[in-house]
């Protein structure tokens, strides 16, 4: 395929998107900023990439490969603590342009360098809104791609389908999180090659369909494939938790791009389970913990591996297991509220609003309203519960529905 003039293509601005570029992004679901990065900056990224392991060994069947055998490899997770990689995460060309595309301050959800070695296979048509993934479950995020080489017919073109993001699929309903209708797969004839070259910047809407050709060249096809969510649209599963060294690797001005960071692991997951009384008052369920103090229902975390992937942070399977054990319920979805300190580790807290349509049985625990929760502060196990409830009720935060990997193996749009 050939490049289609006028479809999401633009000349790079010094900072941010022009009104014309933003209109292209909103219409086509992507925009290309030509020559966004000087060759010296790409060389610096290549230097940082070469200094780190070629893969982190958790992407699909990569464990069965011996680098550099033909395949797709990733460098991800906490790799950006390397200063020759970290600068890209906070680069003003990216953060300003993505901020314009998102309509708000960007927060990094993943930093990934992909390498497709010679003979490595392509990727079939797909879009990256994924309800089970920390990098894909925000209701407002964008994909940024910075090629380290020309993505030509030999190295492997990246094809995009203009207009396939279909923003009309998103709707508000009676539930607090937004609903997303199943995606409509575009025809293979709808794809174009935007002609990405070394140093370009592609910004792509989270719902835009794309695919990639295999690498038939004699060199690797590499690039930075990072993703950013709007600050007011956290991932429904929760963020990937960067460590403190990553935060420190950024400049003081750029550190806000990291939404959550800690050297403490997530050890617990809990649910803010809410209901509305006949009088229209909101209540949450609290339970008595082992030490006699009030806590939110939940339990220890484990890593679900129903879908092999490299982005950790979805602890919904752990939550559902704990809820079945303690409350005999299984919610169809849950939505991330925040990470809260529980001493030795963090708690990843989710929320779900009961609709009143469930079977009228008693719940083990105690239902309390906001005033009662405030009065019971001395009885609370950790003390973050009022703050978490206020965050869940905050109308300025745009929320989505998170699912387990097991749910999404069958149908990621099941609920």
Protein backbone atom coordinates (compact mmCIF):
# COMPACT_ATOMS: atom_id res chain seq x y z
CA UNK A 1 0.00 0.00 0.00
CA UNK A 2 1.04 3.61 -0.47
CA UNK A 3 0.84 6.63 1.74
CA UNK A 4 -2.49 8.44 1.50
CA UNK A 5 -1.92 12.22 1.46
CA UNK A 6 -4.15 14.21 3.76
CA UNK A 7 -4.94 11.31 6.04
CA UNK A 8 -3.55 12.18 9.46
CA UNK A 9 -0.24 13.50 8.07
CA UNK A 10 1.25 16.73 9.37
CA UNK A 11 4.46 18.69 9.80
CA UNK A 12 5.76 18.74 13.35
CA UNK A 13 5.00 21.78 15.47
CA UNK A 14 7.53 23.11 17.96
CA UNK A 15 5.18 22.33 20.79
CA UNK A 16 1.70 20.84 20.81
CA UNK A 17 -0.74 20.25 17.99
CA UNK A 18 -2.07 22.96 15.72
CA UNK A 19 -5.87 23.19 15.31
CA UNK A 20 -5.49 21.51 11.90
CA UNK A 21 -3.43 18.65 13.33
CA UNK A 22 -5.90 18.15 16.15
CA UNK A 23 -8.76 18.05 13.65
CA UNK A 24 -6.86 15.40 11.67
CA UNK A 25 -6.38 13.35 14.83
CA UNK A 26 -10.04 13.56 15.79
CA UNK A 27 -11.21 12.72 12.26
CA UNK A 28 -8.76 9.95 11.37
CA UNK A 29 -7.79 8.60 14.79
CA UNK A 30 -4.10 9.36 14.25
CA UNK A 31 -1.67 12.07 13.24
CA UNK A 32 1.99 11.90 12.16
CA UNK A 33 4.48 14.59 13.14
CA UNK A 34 7.33 14.38 10.64
CA UNK A 35 10.90 14.70 11.91
CA UNK A 36 9.76 15.20 15.49
CA UNK A 37 13.10 14.00 16.88
CA UNK A 38 16.61 14.86 15.80
CA UNK A 39 18.85 12.01 14.70
CA UNK A 40 21.02 12.58 17.78
CA UNK A 41 18.00 11.88 20.00
CA UNK A 42 17.22 8.61 18.21
CA UNK A 43 20.89 7.64 18.48
CA UNK A 44 20.74 8.32 22.20
CA UNK A 45 17.70 6.03 22.51
CA UNK A 46 19.50 3.33 20.56
CA UNK A 47 22.46 3.66 22.93
CA UNK A 48 20.21 3.19 25.95
CA UNK A 49 18.45 0.27 24.29
CA UNK A 50 21.75 -1.48 23.50
CA UNK A 51 22.88 -1.07 27.12
CA UNK A 52 19.85 -2.97 28.44
CA UNK A 53 18.69 -6.54 27.94
CA UNK A 54 17.10 -7.10 24.54
CA UNK A 55 13.91 -8.44 26.10
CA UNK A 56 12.19 -8.89 29.42
CA UNK A 57 11.01 -12.36 28.56
CA UNK A 58 7.29 -12.09 29.19
CA UNK A 59 5.73 -11.25 25.83
CA UNK A 60 3.76 -14.14 24.35
CA UNK A 61 6.09 -16.99 23.35
CA UNK A 62 9.29 -14.98 23.64
CA UNK A 63 10.53 -17.26 26.42
CA UNK A 64 10.93 -19.99 23.82
CA UNK A 65 13.14 -17.77 21.64
CA UNK A 66 16.86 -17.18 21.80
CA UNK A 67 17.67 -13.58 20.94
CA UNK A 68 18.21 -12.59 18.14
CA UNK A 69 16.24 -15.43 16.56
CA UNK A 70 13.42 -14.19 14.29
CA UNK A 71 10.74 -12.83 16.58
CA UNK A 72 9.33 -9.86 18.45
CA UNK A 73 11.14 -8.75 21.59
CA UNK A 74 10.40 -6.04 24.14
CA UNK A 75 12.23 -3.90 26.62
CA UNK A 76 9.65 -2.58 29.05
CA UNK A 77 8.64 -2.30 32.67
CA UNK A 78 11.23 -0.27 34.65
CA UNK A 79 13.74 0.09 31.81
CA UNK A 80 13.24 3.84 31.58
CA UNK A 81 15.29 4.46 34.71
CA UNK A 82 18.17 4.54 32.20
CA UNK A 83 18.68 8.28 31.50
CA UNK A 84 19.22 7.60 27.79
CA UNK A 85 15.70 6.16 27.69
CA UNK A 86 13.95 8.20 30.38
CA UNK A 87 14.14 11.50 28.50
CA UNK A 88 11.67 10.28 25.88
CA UNK A 89 8.89 9.66 28.44
CA UNK A 90 8.83 13.34 29.39
CA UNK A 91 9.94 14.79 26.04
CA UNK A 92 8.00 18.05 25.51
CA UNK A 93 7.25 17.20 21.87
CA UNK A 94 5.40 14.10 23.06
CA UNK A 95 3.80 15.38 26.25
CA UNK A 96 2.53 18.60 24.69
CA UNK A 97 1.16 16.94 21.55
CA UNK A 98 -0.39 14.03 23.45
CA UNK A 99 -1.81 16.45 26.01
CA UNK A 100 -3.57 18.27 23.18
CA UNK A 101 -4.86 14.99 21.75
CA UNK A 102 -6.17 13.85 25.14
CA UNK A 103 -7.46 17.24 26.20
CA UNK A 104 -5.58 17.05 29.49
CA UNK A 105 -2.30 16.28 31.20
CA UNK A 106 -0.80 12.94 30.08
CA UNK A 107 0.20 10.09 32.40
CA UNK A 108 2.54 7.37 31.18
CA UNK A 109 0.88 3.94 31.23
CA UNK A 110 3.68 2.04 29.54
CA UNK A 111 7.19 2.59 28.19
CA UNK A 112 8.10 -0.11 25.67
CA UNK A 113 10.78 -0.54 23.05
CA UNK A 114 9.86 -3.20 20.51
CA UNK A 115 12.46 -4.95 18.43
CA UNK A 116 11.43 -7.17 15.52
CA UNK A 117 14.53 -9.03 14.42
CA UNK A 118 15.05 -10.03 10.76
CA UNK A 119 12.46 -12.66 9.87
CA UNK A 120 10.21 -11.66 12.75
CA UNK A 121 6.49 -12.00 12.00
CA UNK A 122 3.98 -9.19 11.60
CA UNK A 123 0.91 -8.46 13.72
CA UNK A 124 -2.68 -8.91 12.45
CA UNK A 125 -5.36 -6.21 12.53
CA UNK A 126 -6.37 -5.09 16.01
CA UNK A 127 -7.03 -2.10 18.23
CA UNK A 128 -5.47 -1.62 21.65
CA UNK A 129 -8.41 -0.74 23.90
CA UNK A 130 -8.23 -3.75 26.23
CA UNK A 131 -10.26 -3.98 29.43
CA UNK A 132 -7.82 -6.37 31.10
CA UNK A 133 -4.67 -4.34 30.48
CA UNK A 134 -3.25 -1.48 32.55
CA UNK A 135 -2.00 0.04 29.29
CA UNK A 136 -5.31 -0.31 27.50
CA UNK A 137 -8.24 0.12 29.89
CA UNK A 138 -8.30 3.90 30.34
CA UNK A 139 -11.24 5.66 28.73
CA UNK A 140 -8.96 8.30 27.21
CA UNK A 141 -5.48 7.30 26.11
CA UNK A 142 -3.20 7.56 23.10
CA UNK A 143 -0.47 5.44 21.54
CA UNK A 144 2.83 7.15 20.61
CA UNK A 145 5.26 5.49 18.21
CA UNK A 146 8.79 6.75 17.52
CA UNK A 147 10.54 4.63 14.85
CA UNK A 148 14.29 4.05 15.19
CA UNK A 149 14.40 3.10 11.50
CA UNK A 150 12.19 3.59 8.47
CA UNK A 151 9.14 1.34 8.69
CA UNK A 152 9.28 0.52 5.00
CA UNK A 153 8.21 -2.53 3.03
CA UNK A 154 11.41 -4.39 3.97
CA UNK A 155 11.58 -3.65 7.71
CA UNK A 156 7.81 -3.89 8.06
CA UNK A 157 5.20 -1.22 7.48
CA UNK A 158 2.75 -0.10 10.13
CA UNK A 159 -0.70 0.21 8.59
CA UNK A 160 -3.56 2.22 10.13
CA UNK A 161 -7.26 2.41 9.27
CA UNK A 162 -8.38 6.07 9.24
CA UNK A 163 -11.64 6.67 11.07
CA UNK A 164 -11.77 3.21 12.63
CA UNK A 165 -11.69 4.61 16.17
CA UNK A 166 -15.46 5.33 16.05
CA UNK A 167 -15.81 7.50 19.15
CA UNK A 168 -19.59 7.05 19.03
CA UNK A 169 -19.08 3.59 20.60
CA UNK A 170 -18.62 5.18 24.04
CA UNK A 171 -21.73 5.95 26.05
CA UNK A 172 -22.83 6.81 29.57
CA UNK A 173 -25.39 4.64 31.33
CA UNK A 174 -26.78 4.14 34.83
CA UNK A 175 -23.42 2.82 36.07
CA UNK A 176 -20.65 5.15 37.15
CA UNK A 177 -18.09 3.90 34.56
CA UNK A 178 -18.68 4.49 30.87
CA UNK A 179 -19.74 1.70 28.53
CA UNK A 180 -17.99 0.79 25.29
CA UNK A 181 -19.76 -1.07 22.48
CA UNK A 182 -17.89 -3.86 20.65
CA UNK A 183 -15.44 -2.66 18.02
CA UNK A 184 -16.27 -2.91 14.33
CA UNK A 185 -13.35 -4.38 12.42
CA UNK A 186 -12.52 -2.37 9.30
CA UNK A 187 -11.99 -3.93 5.91
CA UNK A 188 -8.40 -4.80 4.99
CA UNK A 189 -8.80 -2.32 2.12
CA UNK A 190 -9.34 0.50 4.62
CA UNK A 191 -5.73 0.49 5.82
CA UNK A 192 -3.07 2.92 4.65
CA UNK A 193 0.67 3.15 5.16
CA UNK A 194 1.50 6.52 6.75
CA UNK A 195 5.14 6.06 5.70
CA UNK A 196 6.75 6.25 9.14
CA UNK A 197 10.43 7.14 9.09
CA UNK A 198 13.20 7.31 11.66
CA UNK A 199 12.49 10.20 14.05
CA UNK A 200 8.81 10.64 13.19
CA UNK A 201 6.12 10.66 15.87
CA UNK A 202 2.81 8.87 15.34
CA UNK A 203 0.01 9.65 17.82
CA UNK A 204 -2.85 7.17 17.57
CA UNK A 205 -6.21 7.01 19.30
CA UNK A 206 -6.68 3.98 21.55
CA UNK A 207 -9.54 2.64 19.40
CA UNK A 208 -7.79 3.02 16.03
CA UNK A 209 -7.23 -0.25 14.19
CA UNK A 210 -3.73 -1.03 12.94
CA UNK A 211 -1.53 -3.90 11.80
CA UNK A 212 2.13 -4.47 10.95
CA UNK A 213 4.04 -6.43 8.31
CA UNK A 214 6.85 -8.83 9.10
CA UNK A 215 10.51 -7.88 8.91
CA UNK A 216 12.08 -9.16 5.65
CA UNK A 217 15.13 -6.87 5.90
CA UNK A 218 18.62 -7.66 7.14
CA UNK A 219 18.32 -5.34 10.17
CA UNK A 220 16.11 -5.05 13.21
CA UNK A 221 12.94 -2.98 13.17
CA UNK A 222 12.91 -1.08 16.47
CA UNK A 223 11.03 1.81 17.99
CA UNK A 224 9.53 3.24 21.15
CA UNK A 225 5.86 2.31 21.51
CA UNK A 226 4.66 4.26 24.55
CA UNK A 227 1.16 4.94 25.79
CA UNK A 228 -0.30 7.81 27.77
CA UNK A 229 -3.66 8.21 29.52
CA UNK A 230 -5.30 11.48 30.46
CA UNK A 231 -4.73 12.33 34.12
CA UNK A 232 -8.49 12.28 34.75
CA UNK A 233 -8.97 8.87 33.06
CA UNK A 234 -7.03 6.23 35.03
CA UNK A 235 -6.84 2.69 33.65
CA UNK A 236 -9.82 0.62 34.81
CA UNK A 237 -7.48 -2.15 35.98
CA UNK A 238 -5.01 0.23 37.64
CA UNK A 239 -1.64 1.54 36.47
CA UNK A 240 1.56 -0.37 35.98
CA UNK A 241 3.44 0.46 39.20
CA UNK A 242 6.82 2.03 38.41
CA UNK A 243 9.52 1.94 41.07
CA UNK A 244 10.98 5.03 42.72
CA UNK A 245 14.14 4.94 40.60
CA UNK A 246 12.02 5.50 37.49
CA UNK A 247 10.44 8.55 39.10
CA UNK A 248 13.85 9.89 40.07
CA UNK A 249 15.24 9.31 36.57
CA UNK A 250 12.95 12.03 35.25
CA UNK A 251 13.49 15.74 35.70
CA UNK A 252 11.55 17.45 38.51
CA UNK A 253 9.40 19.11 35.85
CA UNK A 254 8.69 15.83 34.07
CA UNK A 255 7.94 13.58 37.03
CA UNK A 256 4.23 14.31 36.91
CA UNK A 257 4.05 12.05 33.86
CA UNK A 258 4.37 9.07 36.27
CA UNK A 259 0.98 8.57 37.93
CA UNK A 260 1.99 6.00 40.55
CA UNK A 261 5.38 4.88 41.79
CA UNK A 262 6.61 2.95 44.81
CA UNK A 263 9.25 0.46 45.89
CA UNK A 264 6.53 -1.29 47.88
CA UNK A 265 4.75 -4.10 46.03
CA UNK A 266 0.99 -4.40 45.71
CA UNK A 267 0.19 -7.13 48.22
CA UNK A 268 -3.55 -6.70 48.74
CA UNK A 269 -6.59 -5.89 46.66
CA UNK A 270 -9.91 -4.69 48.06
CA UNK A 271 -13.32 -3.56 46.87
CA UNK A 272 -15.25 -0.43 47.70
CA UNK A 273 -18.70 -2.01 47.38
CA UNK A 274 -21.44 0.61 47.39
CA UNK A 275 -25.22 0.57 47.37
CA UNK A 276 -27.99 3.14 47.49
CA UNK A 277 -30.65 3.02 50.21
CA UNK A 278 -34.35 3.51 49.59
CA UNK A 279 -33.86 7.10 50.69
CA UNK A 280 -31.17 7.70 48.06
CA UNK A 281 -28.23 7.64 50.45
CA UNK A 282 -24.98 5.95 49.46
CA UNK A 283 -23.45 3.29 51.70
CA UNK A 284 -20.35 1.08 51.59
CA UNK A 285 -19.73 -2.36 53.05
CA UNK A 286 -17.06 -2.78 55.72
CA UNK A 287 -16.03 -5.99 57.45
CA UNK A 288 -14.28 -6.83 60.69
CA UNK A 289 -10.67 -7.83 60.05
CA UNK A 290 -8.49 -10.29 61.98
CA UNK A 291 -7.41 -7.53 64.37
CA UNK A 292 -11.00 -6.46 65.07
CA UNK A 293 -10.74 -3.26 63.03
CA UNK A 294 -12.97 -2.31 60.10
CA UNK A 295 -11.63 -3.00 56.63
CA UNK A 296 -12.90 -3.22 53.07
CA UNK A 297 -13.47 -6.75 51.72
CA UNK A 298 -10.58 -8.24 49.76
CA UNK A 299 -7.53 -10.43 50.03
CA UNK A 300 -3.95 -11.12 48.91
CA UNK A 301 -2.94 -10.63 45.29
CA UNK A 302 -1.67 -13.13 42.78
CA UNK A 303 -0.64 -12.72 39.16
CA UNK A 304 -3.25 -13.98 36.73
CA UNK A 305 -1.66 -15.55 33.66
CA UNK A 306 -4.68 -16.42 31.52
CA UNK A 307 -3.30 -14.07 28.84
CA UNK A 308 0.48 -13.91 28.60
CA UNK A 309 1.63 -10.30 28.68
CA UNK A 310 4.33 -8.01 30.02
CA UNK A 311 2.22 -5.34 31.69
CA UNK A 312 1.44 -6.15 35.30
CA UNK A 313 -1.13 -4.32 37.40
CA UNK A 314 -4.48 -6.05 36.85
CA UNK A 315 -5.39 -7.70 40.16
CA UNK A 316 -9.07 -8.20 39.41
CA UNK A 317 -8.73 -12.00 39.39
CA UNK A 318 -7.33 -11.79 42.94
CA UNK A 319 -10.19 -9.53 43.93
CA UNK A 320 -12.84 -11.81 42.48
CA UNK A 321 -11.34 -14.82 44.26
CA UNK A 322 -11.43 -12.95 47.59
CA UNK A 323 -15.00 -11.76 47.03
CA UNK A 324 -16.21 -15.27 46.25
CA UNK A 325 -14.58 -16.48 49.46
CA UNK A 326 -15.66 -13.67 51.79
CA UNK A 327 -18.91 -12.36 50.29
CA UNK A 328 -20.13 -15.09 47.91
CA UNK A 329 -20.40 -12.59 45.08
CA UNK A 330 -18.74 -12.06 41.72
CA UNK A 331 -19.07 -8.64 40.17
CA UNK A 332 -19.21 -8.43 36.35
CA UNK A 333 -16.54 -5.70 36.41
CA UNK A 334 -14.72 -3.41 38.80
CA UNK A 335 -13.00 -0.06 38.35
CA UNK A 336 -9.68 1.12 39.76
CA UNK A 337 -9.79 3.75 42.50
CA UNK A 338 -6.19 4.00 43.69
CA UNK A 339 -3.20 2.43 45.45
CA UNK A 340 -3.10 2.88 49.21
CA UNK A 341 -0.44 2.15 51.82
CA UNK A 342 -1.09 -0.80 54.11
CA UNK A 343 2.27 -0.95 55.86
CA UNK A 344 4.38 -3.71 54.31
CA UNK A 345 2.82 -3.18 50.91
CA UNK A 346 0.19 -1.37 48.89
CA UNK A 347 -3.46 -2.15 48.42
CA UNK A 348 -4.87 -1.83 44.92
CA UNK A 349 -8.42 -0.68 45.51
CA UNK A 350 -11.30 -1.14 43.08
CA UNK A 351 -14.97 -0.18 43.31
CA UNK A 352 -18.34 -1.48 42.17
CA UNK A 353 -21.83 -0.03 42.63
CA UNK A 354 -24.61 -2.51 43.39
CA UNK A 355 -27.60 -1.87 41.13
CA UNK A 356 -30.34 -3.19 43.40
CA UNK A 357 -31.13 -5.95 40.92
CA UNK A 358 -29.32 -8.67 42.84
CA UNK A 359 -31.01 -11.37 44.90
CA UNK A 360 -32.13 -9.84 48.24
CA UNK A 361 -29.83 -11.71 50.61
CA UNK A 362 -27.91 -10.30 53.55
CA UNK A 363 -24.23 -9.45 53.16
CA UNK A 364 -21.71 -10.42 55.79
CA UNK A 365 -20.47 -7.10 57.09
CA UNK A 366 -21.73 -3.67 58.04
CA UNK A 367 -23.20 -1.04 55.69
CA UNK A 368 -22.30 2.54 56.68
CA UNK A 369 -22.81 5.95 55.11
CA UNK A 370 -20.20 8.66 54.63
CA UNK A 371 -20.95 10.36 57.95
CA UNK A 372 -20.72 7.08 59.84
CA UNK A 373 -17.46 6.26 58.08
CA UNK A 374 -16.00 9.58 59.20
CA UNK A 375 -17.12 8.94 62.77
CA UNK A 376 -15.54 5.48 62.68
CA UNK A 377 -12.07 6.69 61.67
CA UNK A 378 -10.56 5.33 64.90
CA UNK A 379 -11.98 1.90 64.07
CA UNK A 380 -10.64 1.77 60.50
CA UNK A 381 -7.82 -0.61 59.73
CA UNK A 382 -5.86 1.80 57.54
CA UNK A 383 -7.53 5.22 57.43
CA UNK A 384 -7.55 5.76 53.66
CA UNK A 385 -11.15 4.58 53.27
CA UNK A 386 -12.86 8.02 53.38
CA UNK A 387 -10.39 9.44 50.87
CA UNK A 388 -10.93 6.45 48.58
CA UNK A 389 -14.71 6.79 48.73
CA UNK A 390 -14.49 10.48 47.88
CA UNK A 391 -12.26 9.64 44.92
CA UNK A 392 -14.76 7.07 43.63
CA UNK A 393 -17.57 9.64 43.83
CA UNK A 394 -15.54 12.39 42.15
CA UNK A 395 -17.49 13.27 38.97
CA UNK A 396 -14.42 14.77 37.29
CA UNK A 397 -12.73 11.35 36.97
CA UNK A 398 -13.66 9.41 33.83
CA UNK A 399 -13.82 5.71 34.59
CA UNK A 400 -14.03 2.50 32.61
CA UNK A 401 -14.83 -1.12 33.43
CA UNK A 402 -11.96 -3.47 34.21
CA UNK A 403 -12.21 -7.20 33.56
CA UNK A 404 -10.08 -10.20 34.40
CA UNK A 405 -7.90 -11.82 31.76
CA UNK A 406 -10.05 -14.95 31.97
CA UNK A 407 -13.20 -12.96 31.16
CA UNK A 408 -11.49 -11.33 28.20
CA UNK A 409 -10.23 -14.55 26.68
CA UNK A 410 -13.85 -15.24 25.79
CA UNK A 411 -15.03 -11.70 25.01
CA UNK A 412 -13.43 -8.47 26.21
CA UNK A 413 -16.76 -6.69 25.65
CA UNK A 414 -18.75 -9.18 27.73
CA UNK A 415 -20.06 -6.48 30.09
